[in-house]
mmCIF file of all heavy atoms, coordinates in Angstrom:
data_MODEL
# 
_entry.id   MODEL 
# 
loop_
_atom_site.group_PDB 
_atom_site.id 
_atom_site.type_symbol 
_atom_site.label_atom_id 
_atom_site.label_alt_id 
_atom_site.label_comp_id 
_atom_site.label_asym_id 
_atom_site.label_entity_id 
_atom_site.label_seq_id 
_atom_site.pdbx_PDB_ins_code 
_atom_site.Cartn_x 
_atom_site.Cartn_y 
_atom_site.Cartn_z 
_atom_site.occupancy 
_atom_site.B_iso_or_equiv 
_atom_site.pdbx_formal_charge 
_atom_site.auth_seq_id 
_atom_site.auth_comp_id 
_atom_site.auth_asym_id 
_atom_site.auth_atom_id 
_atom_site.pdbx_PDB_model_num 
ATOM 1   N N   . LYS A 1 1  ? 9.306   11.208  -4.802  1.00 0.00 ? 1  LYS A N   1 
ATOM 2   C CA  . LYS A 1 1  ? 9.713   11.756  -6.102  1.00 0.00 ? 1  LYS A CA  1 
ATOM 3   C C   . LYS A 1 1  ? 8.652   12.680  -6.685  1.00 0.00 ? 1  LYS A C   1 
ATOM 4   O O   . LYS A 1 1  ? 7.539   12.263  -6.982  1.00 0.00 ? 1  LYS A O   1 
ATOM 5   C CB  . LYS A 1 1  ? 10.022  10.621  -7.079  1.00 0.00 ? 1  LYS A CB  1 
ATOM 6   C CG  . LYS A 1 1  ? 11.202  9.752   -6.634  1.00 0.00 ? 1  LYS A CG  1 
ATOM 7   C CD  . LYS A 1 1  ? 11.473  8.645   -7.626  1.00 0.00 ? 1  LYS A CD  1 
ATOM 8   C CE  . LYS A 1 1  ? 12.647  7.775   -7.184  1.00 0.00 ? 1  LYS A CE  1 
ATOM 9   N NZ  . LYS A 1 1  ? 12.912  6.666   -8.133  1.00 0.00 ? 1  LYS A NZ  1 
ATOM 10  N N   . ASP A 1 2  ? 9.022   13.939  -6.852  1.00 0.00 ? 2  ASP A N   1 
ATOM 11  C CA  . ASP A 1 2  ? 8.069   14.930  -7.358  1.00 0.00 ? 2  ASP A CA  1 
ATOM 12  C C   . ASP A 1 2  ? 7.662   14.670  -8.799  1.00 0.00 ? 2  ASP A C   1 
ATOM 13  O O   . ASP A 1 2  ? 6.578   15.085  -9.233  1.00 0.00 ? 2  ASP A O   1 
ATOM 14  C CB  . ASP A 1 2  ? 8.665   16.348  -7.259  1.00 0.00 ? 2  ASP A CB  1 
ATOM 15  C CG  . ASP A 1 2  ? 8.900   16.756  -5.812  1.00 0.00 ? 2  ASP A CG  1 
ATOM 16  O OD1 . ASP A 1 2  ? 8.342   16.090  -4.921  1.00 0.00 ? 2  ASP A OD1 1 
ATOM 17  O OD2 . ASP A 1 2  ? 9.632   17.738  -5.584  1.00 0.00 ? 2  ASP A OD2 1 
ATOM 18  N N   . ASP A 1 3  ? 8.503   13.988  -9.553  1.00 0.00 ? 3  ASP A N   1 
ATOM 19  C CA  . ASP A 1 3  ? 8.208   13.778  -10.972 1.00 0.00 ? 3  ASP A CA  1 
ATOM 20  C C   . ASP A 1 3  ? 7.204   12.650  -11.196 1.00 0.00 ? 3  ASP A C   1 
ATOM 21  O O   . ASP A 1 3  ? 6.712   12.468  -12.320 1.00 0.00 ? 3  ASP A O   1 
ATOM 22  C CB  . ASP A 1 3  ? 9.498   13.476  -11.755 1.00 0.00 ? 3  ASP A CB  1 
ATOM 23  C CG  . ASP A 1 3  ? 10.235  12.259  -11.212 1.00 0.00 ? 3  ASP A CG  1 
ATOM 24  O OD1 . ASP A 1 3  ? 10.092  11.984  -10.002 1.00 0.00 ? 3  ASP A OD1 1 
ATOM 25  O OD2 . ASP A 1 3  ? 10.929  11.589  -11.999 1.00 0.00 ? 3  ASP A OD2 1 
ATOM 26  N N   . LEU A 1 4  ? 6.874   11.885  -10.151 1.00 0.00 ? 4  LEU A N   1 
ATOM 27  C CA  . LEU A 1 4  ? 5.876   10.818  -10.285 1.00 0.00 ? 4  LEU A CA  1 
ATOM 28  C C   . LEU A 1 4  ? 4.494   11.389  -9.998  1.00 0.00 ? 4  LEU A C   1 
ATOM 29  O O   . LEU A 1 4  ? 4.144   11.683  -8.852  1.00 0.00 ? 4  LEU A O   1 
ATOM 30  C CB  . LEU A 1 4  ? 6.188   9.673   -9.315  1.00 0.00 ? 4  LEU A CB  1 
ATOM 31  C CG  . LEU A 1 4  ? 7.423   8.826   -9.629  1.00 0.00 ? 4  LEU A CG  1 
ATOM 32  C CD1 . LEU A 1 4  ? 7.594   7.732   -8.569  1.00 0.00 ? 4  LEU A CD1 1 
ATOM 33  C CD2 . LEU A 1 4  ? 7.308   8.186   -11.007 1.00 0.00 ? 4  LEU A CD2 1 
ATOM 34  N N   . GLU A 1 5  ? 3.725   11.579  -11.048 1.00 0.00 ? 5  GLU A N   1 
ATOM 35  C CA  . GLU A 1 5  ? 2.403   12.175  -10.913 1.00 0.00 ? 5  GLU A CA  1 
ATOM 36  C C   . GLU A 1 5  ? 1.314   11.117  -10.723 1.00 0.00 ? 5  GLU A C   1 
ATOM 37  O O   . GLU A 1 5  ? 0.295   11.369  -10.092 1.00 0.00 ? 5  GLU A O   1 
ATOM 38  C CB  . GLU A 1 5  ? 2.067   13.013  -12.165 1.00 0.00 ? 5  GLU A CB  1 
ATOM 39  C CG  . GLU A 1 5  ? 3.029   14.164  -12.404 1.00 0.00 ? 5  GLU A CG  1 
ATOM 40  C CD  . GLU A 1 5  ? 2.861   15.282  -11.379 1.00 0.00 ? 5  GLU A CD  1 
ATOM 41  O OE1 . GLU A 1 5  ? 1.764   15.383  -10.791 1.00 0.00 ? 5  GLU A OE1 1 
ATOM 42  O OE2 . GLU A 1 5  ? 3.819   16.046  -11.159 1.00 0.00 ? 5  GLU A OE2 1 
ATOM 43  N N   . VAL A 1 6  ? 1.515   9.930   -11.299 1.00 0.00 ? 6  VAL A N   1 
ATOM 44  C CA  . VAL A 1 6  ? 0.519   8.865   -11.215 1.00 0.00 ? 6  VAL A CA  1 
ATOM 45  C C   . VAL A 1 6  ? 0.801   8.014   -9.980  1.00 0.00 ? 6  VAL A C   1 
ATOM 46  O O   . VAL A 1 6  ? 1.935   7.619   -9.736  1.00 0.00 ? 6  VAL A O   1 
ATOM 47  C CB  . VAL A 1 6  ? 0.557   7.963   -12.476 1.00 0.00 ? 6  VAL A CB  1 
ATOM 48  C CG1 . VAL A 1 6  ? -0.505  6.864   -12.364 1.00 0.00 ? 6  VAL A CG1 1 
ATOM 49  C CG2 . VAL A 1 6  ? 0.328   8.809   -13.725 1.00 0.00 ? 6  VAL A CG2 1 
ATOM 50  N N   . GLU A 1 7  ? -0.252  7.740   -9.212  1.00 0.00 ? 7  GLU A N   1 
ATOM 51  C CA  . GLU A 1 7  ? -0.097  6.978   -7.977  1.00 0.00 ? 7  GLU A CA  1 
ATOM 52  C C   . GLU A 1 7  ? 0.420   5.574   -8.261  1.00 0.00 ? 7  GLU A C   1 
ATOM 53  O O   . GLU A 1 7  ? -0.089  4.880   -9.132  1.00 0.00 ? 7  GLU A O   1 
ATOM 54  C CB  . GLU A 1 7  ? -1.439  6.883   -7.238  1.00 0.00 ? 7  GLU A CB  1 
ATOM 55  C CG  . GLU A 1 7  ? -1.943  8.234   -6.747  1.00 0.00 ? 7  GLU A CG  1 
ATOM 56  C CD  . GLU A 1 7  ? -3.329  8.131   -6.133  1.00 0.00 ? 7  GLU A CD  1 
ATOM 57  O OE1 . GLU A 1 7  ? -3.760  6.993   -5.850  1.00 0.00 ? 7  GLU A OE1 1 
ATOM 58  O OE2 . GLU A 1 7  ? -3.979  9.160   -5.947  1.00 0.00 ? 7  GLU A OE2 1 
ATOM 59  N N   . GLU A 1 8  ? 1.440   5.161   -7.506  1.00 0.00 ? 8  GLU A N   1 
ATOM 60  C CA  . GLU A 1 8  ? 1.980   3.804   -7.591  1.00 0.00 ? 8  GLU A CA  1 
ATOM 61  C C   . GLU A 1 8  ? 1.590   3.063   -6.322  1.00 0.00 ? 8  GLU A C   1 
ATOM 62  O O   . GLU A 1 8  ? 2.023   3.426   -5.225  1.00 0.00 ? 8  GLU A O   1 
ATOM 63  C CB  . GLU A 1 8  ? 3.512   3.837   -7.733  1.00 0.00 ? 8  GLU A CB  1 
ATOM 64  C CG  . GLU A 1 8  ? 4.003   4.399   -9.056  1.00 0.00 ? 8  GLU A CG  1 
ATOM 65  C CD  . GLU A 1 8  ? 5.523   4.312   -9.175  1.00 0.00 ? 8  GLU A CD  1 
ATOM 66  O OE1 . GLU A 1 8  ? 6.183   3.986   -8.161  1.00 0.00 ? 8  GLU A OE1 1 
ATOM 67  O OE2 . GLU A 1 8  ? 6.040   4.576   -10.270 1.00 0.00 ? 8  GLU A OE2 1 
ATOM 68  N N   . TYR A 1 9  ? 0.767   2.044   -6.485  1.00 0.00 ? 9  TYR A N   1 
ATOM 69  C CA  . TYR A 1 9  ? 0.284   1.300   -5.321  1.00 0.00 ? 9  TYR A CA  1 
ATOM 70  C C   . TYR A 1 9  ? 1.267   0.206   -4.940  1.00 0.00 ? 9  TYR A C   1 
ATOM 71  O O   . TYR A 1 9  ? 1.817   -0.478  -5.808  1.00 0.00 ? 9  TYR A O   1 
ATOM 72  C CB  . TYR A 1 9  ? -1.093  0.693   -5.596  1.00 0.00 ? 9  TYR A CB  1 
ATOM 73  C CG  . TYR A 1 9  ? -2.143  1.734   -5.907  1.00 0.00 ? 9  TYR A CG  1 
ATOM 74  C CD1 . TYR A 1 9  ? -2.562  1.957   -7.210  1.00 0.00 ? 9  TYR A CD1 1 
ATOM 75  C CD2 . TYR A 1 9  ? -2.674  2.516   -4.887  1.00 0.00 ? 9  TYR A CD2 1 
ATOM 76  C CE1 . TYR A 1 9  ? -3.512  2.928   -7.497  1.00 0.00 ? 9  TYR A CE1 1 
ATOM 77  C CE2 . TYR A 1 9  ? -3.621  3.490   -5.159  1.00 0.00 ? 9  TYR A CE2 1 
ATOM 78  C CZ  . TYR A 1 9  ? -4.031  3.691   -6.468  1.00 0.00 ? 9  TYR A CZ  1 
ATOM 79  O OH  . TYR A 1 9  ? -4.960  4.659   -6.745  1.00 0.00 ? 9  TYR A OH  1 
ATOM 80  N N   . SER A 1 10 ? 1.506   0.056   -3.651  1.00 0.00 ? 10 SER A N   1 
ATOM 81  C CA  . SER A 1 10 ? 2.434   -0.977  -3.187  1.00 0.00 ? 10 SER A CA  1 
ATOM 82  C C   . SER A 1 10 ? 1.806   -2.349  -3.389  1.00 0.00 ? 10 SER A C   1 
ATOM 83  O O   . SER A 1 10 ? 0.619   -2.547  -3.130  1.00 0.00 ? 10 SER A O   1 
ATOM 84  C CB  . SER A 1 10 ? 2.782   -0.766  -1.708  1.00 0.00 ? 10 SER A CB  1 
ATOM 85  O OG  . SER A 1 10 ? 1.614   -0.784  -0.922  1.00 0.00 ? 10 SER A OG  1 
ATOM 86  N N   . LYS A 1 11 ? 2.612   -3.296  -3.841  1.00 0.00 ? 11 LYS A N   1 
ATOM 87  C CA  . LYS A 1 11 ? 2.121   -4.633  -4.157  1.00 0.00 ? 11 LYS A CA  1 
ATOM 88  C C   . LYS A 1 11 ? 2.298   -5.595  -2.996  1.00 0.00 ? 11 LYS A C   1 
ATOM 89  O O   . LYS A 1 11 ? 1.618   -6.588  -2.876  1.00 0.00 ? 11 LYS A O   1 
ATOM 90  C CB  . LYS A 1 11 ? 2.849   -5.192  -5.391  1.00 0.00 ? 11 LYS A CB  1 
ATOM 91  C CG  . LYS A 1 11 ? 2.588   -4.367  -6.644  1.00 0.00 ? 11 LYS A CG  1 
ATOM 92  C CD  . LYS A 1 11 ? 3.331   -4.954  -7.820  1.00 0.00 ? 11 LYS A CD  1 
ATOM 93  C CE  . LYS A 1 11 ? 3.075   -4.117  -9.080  1.00 0.00 ? 11 LYS A CE  1 
ATOM 94  N NZ  . LYS A 1 11 ? 3.825   -4.652  -10.252 1.00 0.00 ? 11 LYS A NZ  1 
ATOM 95  N N   . GLU A 1 12 ? 3.251   -5.315  -2.148  1.00 0.00 ? 12 GLU A N   1 
ATOM 96  C CA  . GLU A 1 12 ? 3.544   -6.225  -1.050  1.00 0.00 ? 12 GLU A CA  1 
ATOM 97  C C   . GLU A 1 12 ? 2.972   -5.685  0.251   1.00 0.00 ? 12 GLU A C   1 
ATOM 98  O O   . GLU A 1 12 ? 3.261   -4.562  0.631   1.00 0.00 ? 12 GLU A O   1 
ATOM 99  C CB  . GLU A 1 12 ? 5.052   -6.418  -0.880  1.00 0.00 ? 12 GLU A CB  1 
ATOM 100 C CG  . GLU A 1 12 ? 5.709   -7.064  -2.091  1.00 0.00 ? 12 GLU A CG  1 
ATOM 101 C CD  . GLU A 1 12 ? 7.191   -7.290  -1.867  1.00 0.00 ? 12 GLU A CD  1 
ATOM 102 O OE1 . GLU A 1 12 ? 7.663   -6.925  -0.765  1.00 0.00 ? 12 GLU A OE1 1 
ATOM 103 O OE2 . GLU A 1 12 ? 7.852   -7.796  -2.764  1.00 0.00 ? 12 GLU A OE2 1 
ATOM 104 N N   . PRO A 1 13 ? 2.132   -6.463  0.928   1.00 0.00 ? 13 PRO A N   1 
ATOM 105 C CA  . PRO A 1 13 ? 1.583   -6.008  2.200   1.00 0.00 ? 13 PRO A CA  1 
ATOM 106 C C   . PRO A 1 13 ? 2.647   -5.945  3.278   1.00 0.00 ? 13 PRO A C   1 
ATOM 107 O O   . PRO A 1 13 ? 3.683   -6.577  3.166   1.00 0.00 ? 13 PRO A O   1 
ATOM 108 C CB  . PRO A 1 13 ? 0.531   -7.094  2.540   1.00 0.00 ? 13 PRO A CB  1 
ATOM 109 C CG  . PRO A 1 13 ? 1.024   -8.318  1.848   1.00 0.00 ? 13 PRO A CG  1 
ATOM 110 C CD  . PRO A 1 13 ? 1.717   -7.830  0.598   1.00 0.00 ? 13 PRO A CD  1 
ATOM 111 N N   . ASP A 1 14 ? 2.367   -5.190  4.292   1.00 0.00 ? 14 ASP A N   1 
ATOM 112 C CA  . ASP A 1 14 ? 3.291   -5.066  5.425   1.00 0.00 ? 14 ASP A CA  1 
ATOM 113 C C   . ASP A 1 14 ? 3.202   -6.321  6.279   1.00 0.00 ? 14 ASP A C   1 
ATOM 114 O O   . ASP A 1 14 ? 2.252   -6.521  7.033   1.00 0.00 ? 14 ASP A O   1 
ATOM 115 C CB  . ASP A 1 14 ? 2.898   -3.836  6.267   1.00 0.00 ? 14 ASP A CB  1 
ATOM 116 C CG  . ASP A 1 14 ? 3.826   -3.649  7.450   1.00 0.00 ? 14 ASP A CG  1 
ATOM 117 O OD1 . ASP A 1 14 ? 4.901   -4.256  7.452   1.00 0.00 ? 14 ASP A OD1 1 
ATOM 118 O OD2 . ASP A 1 14 ? 3.436   -2.886  8.357   1.00 0.00 ? 14 ASP A OD2 1 
ATOM 119 N N   . THR A 1 15 ? 4.196   -7.194  6.150   1.00 0.00 ? 15 THR A N   1 
ATOM 120 C CA  . THR A 1 15 ? 4.149   -8.475  6.849   1.00 0.00 ? 15 THR A CA  1 
ATOM 121 C C   . THR A 1 15 ? 4.475   -8.335  8.333   1.00 0.00 ? 15 THR A C   1 
ATOM 122 O O   . THR A 1 15 ? 4.182   -9.228  9.108   1.00 0.00 ? 15 THR A O   1 
ATOM 123 C CB  . THR A 1 15 ? 5.155   -9.455  6.209   1.00 0.00 ? 15 THR A CB  1 
ATOM 124 O OG1 . THR A 1 15 ? 6.457   -8.853  6.224   1.00 0.00 ? 15 THR A OG1 1 
ATOM 125 C CG2 . THR A 1 15 ? 4.759   -9.778  4.783   1.00 0.00 ? 15 THR A CG2 1 
ATOM 126 N N   . GLU A 1 16 ? 5.065   -7.227  8.730   1.00 0.00 ? 16 GLU A N   1 
ATOM 127 C CA  . GLU A 1 16 ? 5.449   -7.062  10.125  1.00 0.00 ? 16 GLU A CA  1 
ATOM 128 C C   . GLU A 1 16 ? 4.311   -6.512  10.970  1.00 0.00 ? 16 GLU A C   1 
ATOM 129 O O   . GLU A 1 16 ? 4.325   -6.600  12.171  1.00 0.00 ? 16 GLU A O   1 
ATOM 130 C CB  . GLU A 1 16 ? 6.666   -6.124  10.223  1.00 0.00 ? 16 GLU A CB  1 
ATOM 131 C CG  . GLU A 1 16 ? 7.916   -6.684  9.559   1.00 0.00 ? 16 GLU A CG  1 
ATOM 132 C CD  . GLU A 1 16 ? 9.089   -5.736  9.713   1.00 0.00 ? 16 GLU A CD  1 
ATOM 133 O OE1 . GLU A 1 16 ? 8.872   -4.653  10.308  1.00 0.00 ? 16 GLU A OE1 1 
ATOM 134 O OE2 . GLU A 1 16 ? 10.183  -6.055  9.257   1.00 0.00 ? 16 GLU A OE2 1 
ATOM 135 N N   . SER A 1 17 ? 3.341   -5.898  10.316  1.00 0.00 ? 17 SER A N   1 
ATOM 136 C CA  . SER A 1 17 ? 2.248   -5.285  11.053  1.00 0.00 ? 17 SER A CA  1 
ATOM 137 C C   . SER A 1 17 ? 1.299   -6.337  11.602  1.00 0.00 ? 17 SER A C   1 
ATOM 138 O O   . SER A 1 17 ? 0.948   -7.295  10.928  1.00 0.00 ? 17 SER A O   1 
ATOM 139 C CB  . SER A 1 17 ? 1.473   -4.324  10.133  1.00 0.00 ? 17 SER A CB  1 
ATOM 140 O OG  . SER A 1 17 ? 0.369   -3.791  10.815  1.00 0.00 ? 17 SER A OG  1 
ATOM 141 N N   . THR A 1 18 ? 0.886   -6.169  12.843  1.00 0.00 ? 18 THR A N   1 
ATOM 142 C CA  . THR A 1 18 ? -0.065  -7.091  13.464  1.00 0.00 ? 18 THR A CA  1 
ATOM 143 C C   . THR A 1 18 ? -1.492  -6.559  13.344  1.00 0.00 ? 18 THR A C   1 
ATOM 144 O O   . THR A 1 18 ? -2.425  -7.223  13.788  1.00 0.00 ? 18 THR A O   1 
ATOM 145 C CB  . THR A 1 18 ? 0.280   -7.281  14.954  1.00 0.00 ? 18 THR A CB  1 
ATOM 146 O OG1 . THR A 1 18 ? 0.253   -5.997  15.619  1.00 0.00 ? 18 THR A OG1 1 
ATOM 147 C CG2 . THR A 1 18 ? 1.643   -7.908  15.123  1.00 0.00 ? 18 THR A CG2 1 
ATOM 148 N N   . VAL A 1 19 ? -1.650  -5.383  12.767  1.00 0.00 ? 19 VAL A N   1 
ATOM 149 C CA  . VAL A 1 19 ? -2.968  -4.796  12.605  1.00 0.00 ? 19 VAL A CA  1 
ATOM 150 C C   . VAL A 1 19 ? -3.622  -5.362  11.349  1.00 0.00 ? 19 VAL A C   1 
ATOM 151 O O   . VAL A 1 19 ? -3.035  -5.364  10.270  1.00 0.00 ? 19 VAL A O   1 
ATOM 152 C CB  . VAL A 1 19 ? -2.874  -3.255  12.500  1.00 0.00 ? 19 VAL A CB  1 
ATOM 153 C CG1 . VAL A 1 19 ? -4.251  -2.655  12.256  1.00 0.00 ? 19 VAL A CG1 1 
ATOM 154 C CG2 . VAL A 1 19 ? -2.251  -2.686  13.760  1.00 0.00 ? 19 VAL A CG2 1 
ATOM 155 N N   . ARG A 1 20 ? -4.864  -5.853  11.503  1.00 0.00 ? 20 ARG A N   1 
ATOM 156 C CA  . ARG A 1 20 ? -5.559  -6.410  10.353  1.00 0.00 ? 20 ARG A CA  1 
ATOM 157 C C   . ARG A 1 20 ? -5.942  -5.299  9.385   1.00 0.00 ? 20 ARG A C   1 
ATOM 158 O O   . ARG A 1 20 ? -6.366  -4.222  9.795   1.00 0.00 ? 20 ARG A O   1 
ATOM 159 C CB  . ARG A 1 20 ? -6.822  -7.148  10.796  1.00 0.00 ? 20 ARG A CB  1 
ATOM 160 C CG  . ARG A 1 20 ? -6.550  -8.370  11.635  1.00 0.00 ? 20 ARG A CG  1 
ATOM 161 C CD  . ARG A 1 20 ? -7.675  -9.355  11.458  1.00 0.00 ? 20 ARG A CD  1 
ATOM 162 N NE  . ARG A 1 20 ? -7.731  -10.312 12.551  1.00 0.00 ? 20 ARG A NE  1 
ATOM 163 C CZ  . ARG A 1 20 ? -8.518  -11.375 12.556  1.00 0.00 ? 20 ARG A CZ  1 
ATOM 164 N NH1 . ARG A 1 20 ? -9.318  -11.603 11.542  1.00 0.00 ? 20 ARG A NH1 1 
ATOM 165 N NH2 . ARG A 1 20 ? -8.522  -12.202 13.580  1.00 0.00 ? 20 ARG A NH2 1 
ATOM 166 N N   . ARG A 1 21 ? -5.822  -5.599  8.101   1.00 0.00 ? 21 ARG A N   1 
ATOM 167 C CA  . ARG A 1 21 ? -6.138  -4.627  7.067   1.00 0.00 ? 21 ARG A CA  1 
ATOM 168 C C   . ARG A 1 21 ? -7.420  -5.063  6.372   1.00 0.00 ? 21 ARG A C   1 
ATOM 169 O O   . ARG A 1 21 ? -7.520  -6.188  5.876   1.00 0.00 ? 21 ARG A O   1 
ATOM 170 C CB  . ARG A 1 21 ? -4.986  -4.520  6.069   1.00 0.00 ? 21 ARG A CB  1 
ATOM 171 C CG  . ARG A 1 21 ? -5.083  -3.328  5.131   1.00 0.00 ? 21 ARG A CG  1 
ATOM 172 C CD  . ARG A 1 21 ? -3.791  -3.210  4.335   1.00 0.00 ? 21 ARG A CD  1 
ATOM 173 N NE  . ARG A 1 21 ? -3.812  -2.095  3.412   1.00 0.00 ? 21 ARG A NE  1 
ATOM 174 C CZ  . ARG A 1 21 ? -3.517  -0.844  3.729   1.00 0.00 ? 21 ARG A CZ  1 
ATOM 175 N NH1 . ARG A 1 21 ? -3.163  -0.565  4.963   1.00 0.00 ? 21 ARG A NH1 1 
ATOM 176 N NH2 . ARG A 1 21 ? -3.541  0.113   2.838   1.00 0.00 ? 21 ARG A NH2 1 
ATOM 177 N N   . VAL A 1 22 ? -8.400  -4.191  6.344   1.00 0.00 ? 22 VAL A N   1 
ATOM 178 C CA  . VAL A 1 22 ? -9.701  -4.497  5.756   1.00 0.00 ? 22 VAL A CA  1 
ATOM 179 C C   . VAL A 1 22 ? -9.753  -3.958  4.330   1.00 0.00 ? 22 VAL A C   1 
ATOM 180 O O   . VAL A 1 22 ? -9.537  -2.770  4.101   1.00 0.00 ? 22 VAL A O   1 
ATOM 181 C CB  . VAL A 1 22 ? -10.840 -3.881  6.592   1.00 0.00 ? 22 VAL A CB  1 
ATOM 182 C CG1 . VAL A 1 22 ? -12.197 -4.190  5.968   1.00 0.00 ? 22 VAL A CG1 1 
ATOM 183 C CG2 . VAL A 1 22 ? -10.786 -4.401  8.023   1.00 0.00 ? 22 VAL A CG2 1 
ATOM 184 N N   . SER A 1 23 ? -10.042 -4.841  3.387   1.00 0.00 ? 23 SER A N   1 
ATOM 185 C CA  . SER A 1 23 ? -10.107 -4.441  1.981   1.00 0.00 ? 23 SER A CA  1 
ATOM 186 C C   . SER A 1 23 ? -11.475 -3.867  1.656   1.00 0.00 ? 23 SER A C   1 
ATOM 187 O O   . SER A 1 23 ? -12.440 -3.998  2.433   1.00 0.00 ? 23 SER A O   1 
ATOM 188 C CB  . SER A 1 23 ? -9.829  -5.644  1.076   1.00 0.00 ? 23 SER A CB  1 
ATOM 189 O OG  . SER A 1 23 ? -10.874 -6.599  1.198   1.00 0.00 ? 23 SER A OG  1 
ATOM 190 N N   . MET A 1 24 ? -11.586 -3.258  0.491   1.00 0.00 ? 24 MET A N   1 
ATOM 191 C CA  . MET A 1 24 ? -12.860 -2.704  0.042   1.00 0.00 ? 24 MET A CA  1 
ATOM 192 C C   . MET A 1 24 ? -13.896 -3.818  -0.106  1.00 0.00 ? 24 MET A C   1 
ATOM 193 O O   . MET A 1 24 ? -15.075 -3.646  0.249   1.00 0.00 ? 24 MET A O   1 
ATOM 194 C CB  . MET A 1 24 ? -12.672 -1.978  -1.294  1.00 0.00 ? 24 MET A CB  1 
ATOM 195 C CG  . MET A 1 24 ? -13.947 -1.367  -1.857  1.00 0.00 ? 24 MET A CG  1 
ATOM 196 S SD  . MET A 1 24 ? -14.569 0.025   -0.877  1.00 0.00 ? 24 MET A SD  1 
ATOM 197 C CE  . MET A 1 24 ? -13.437 1.318   -1.417  1.00 0.00 ? 24 MET A CE  1 
ATOM 198 N N   . GLU A 1 25 ? -13.466 -4.973  -0.623  1.00 0.00 ? 25 GLU A N   1 
ATOM 199 C CA  . GLU A 1 25 ? -14.374 -6.107  -0.791  1.00 0.00 ? 25 GLU A CA  1 
ATOM 200 C C   . GLU A 1 25 ? -14.895 -6.594  0.554   1.00 0.00 ? 25 GLU A C   1 
ATOM 201 O O   . GLU A 1 25 ? -16.094 -6.870  0.714   1.00 0.00 ? 25 GLU A O   1 
ATOM 202 C CB  . GLU A 1 25 ? -13.640 -7.245  -1.508  1.00 0.00 ? 25 GLU A CB  1 
ATOM 203 C CG  . GLU A 1 25 ? -14.517 -8.459  -1.774  1.00 0.00 ? 25 GLU A CG  1 
ATOM 204 C CD  . GLU A 1 25 ? -13.766 -9.588  -2.457  1.00 0.00 ? 25 GLU A CD  1 
ATOM 205 O OE1 . GLU A 1 25 ? -12.560 -9.410  -2.736  1.00 0.00 ? 25 GLU A OE1 1 
ATOM 206 O OE2 . GLU A 1 25 ? -14.378 -10.641 -2.705  1.00 0.00 ? 25 GLU A OE2 1 
# 
């Protein structure tokens, strides 16, 4: 959507992915 200027972060992680996701912490 072009009208969304502010980034919307996804709240739900990808449960199907087997790749580990490393957080900033």
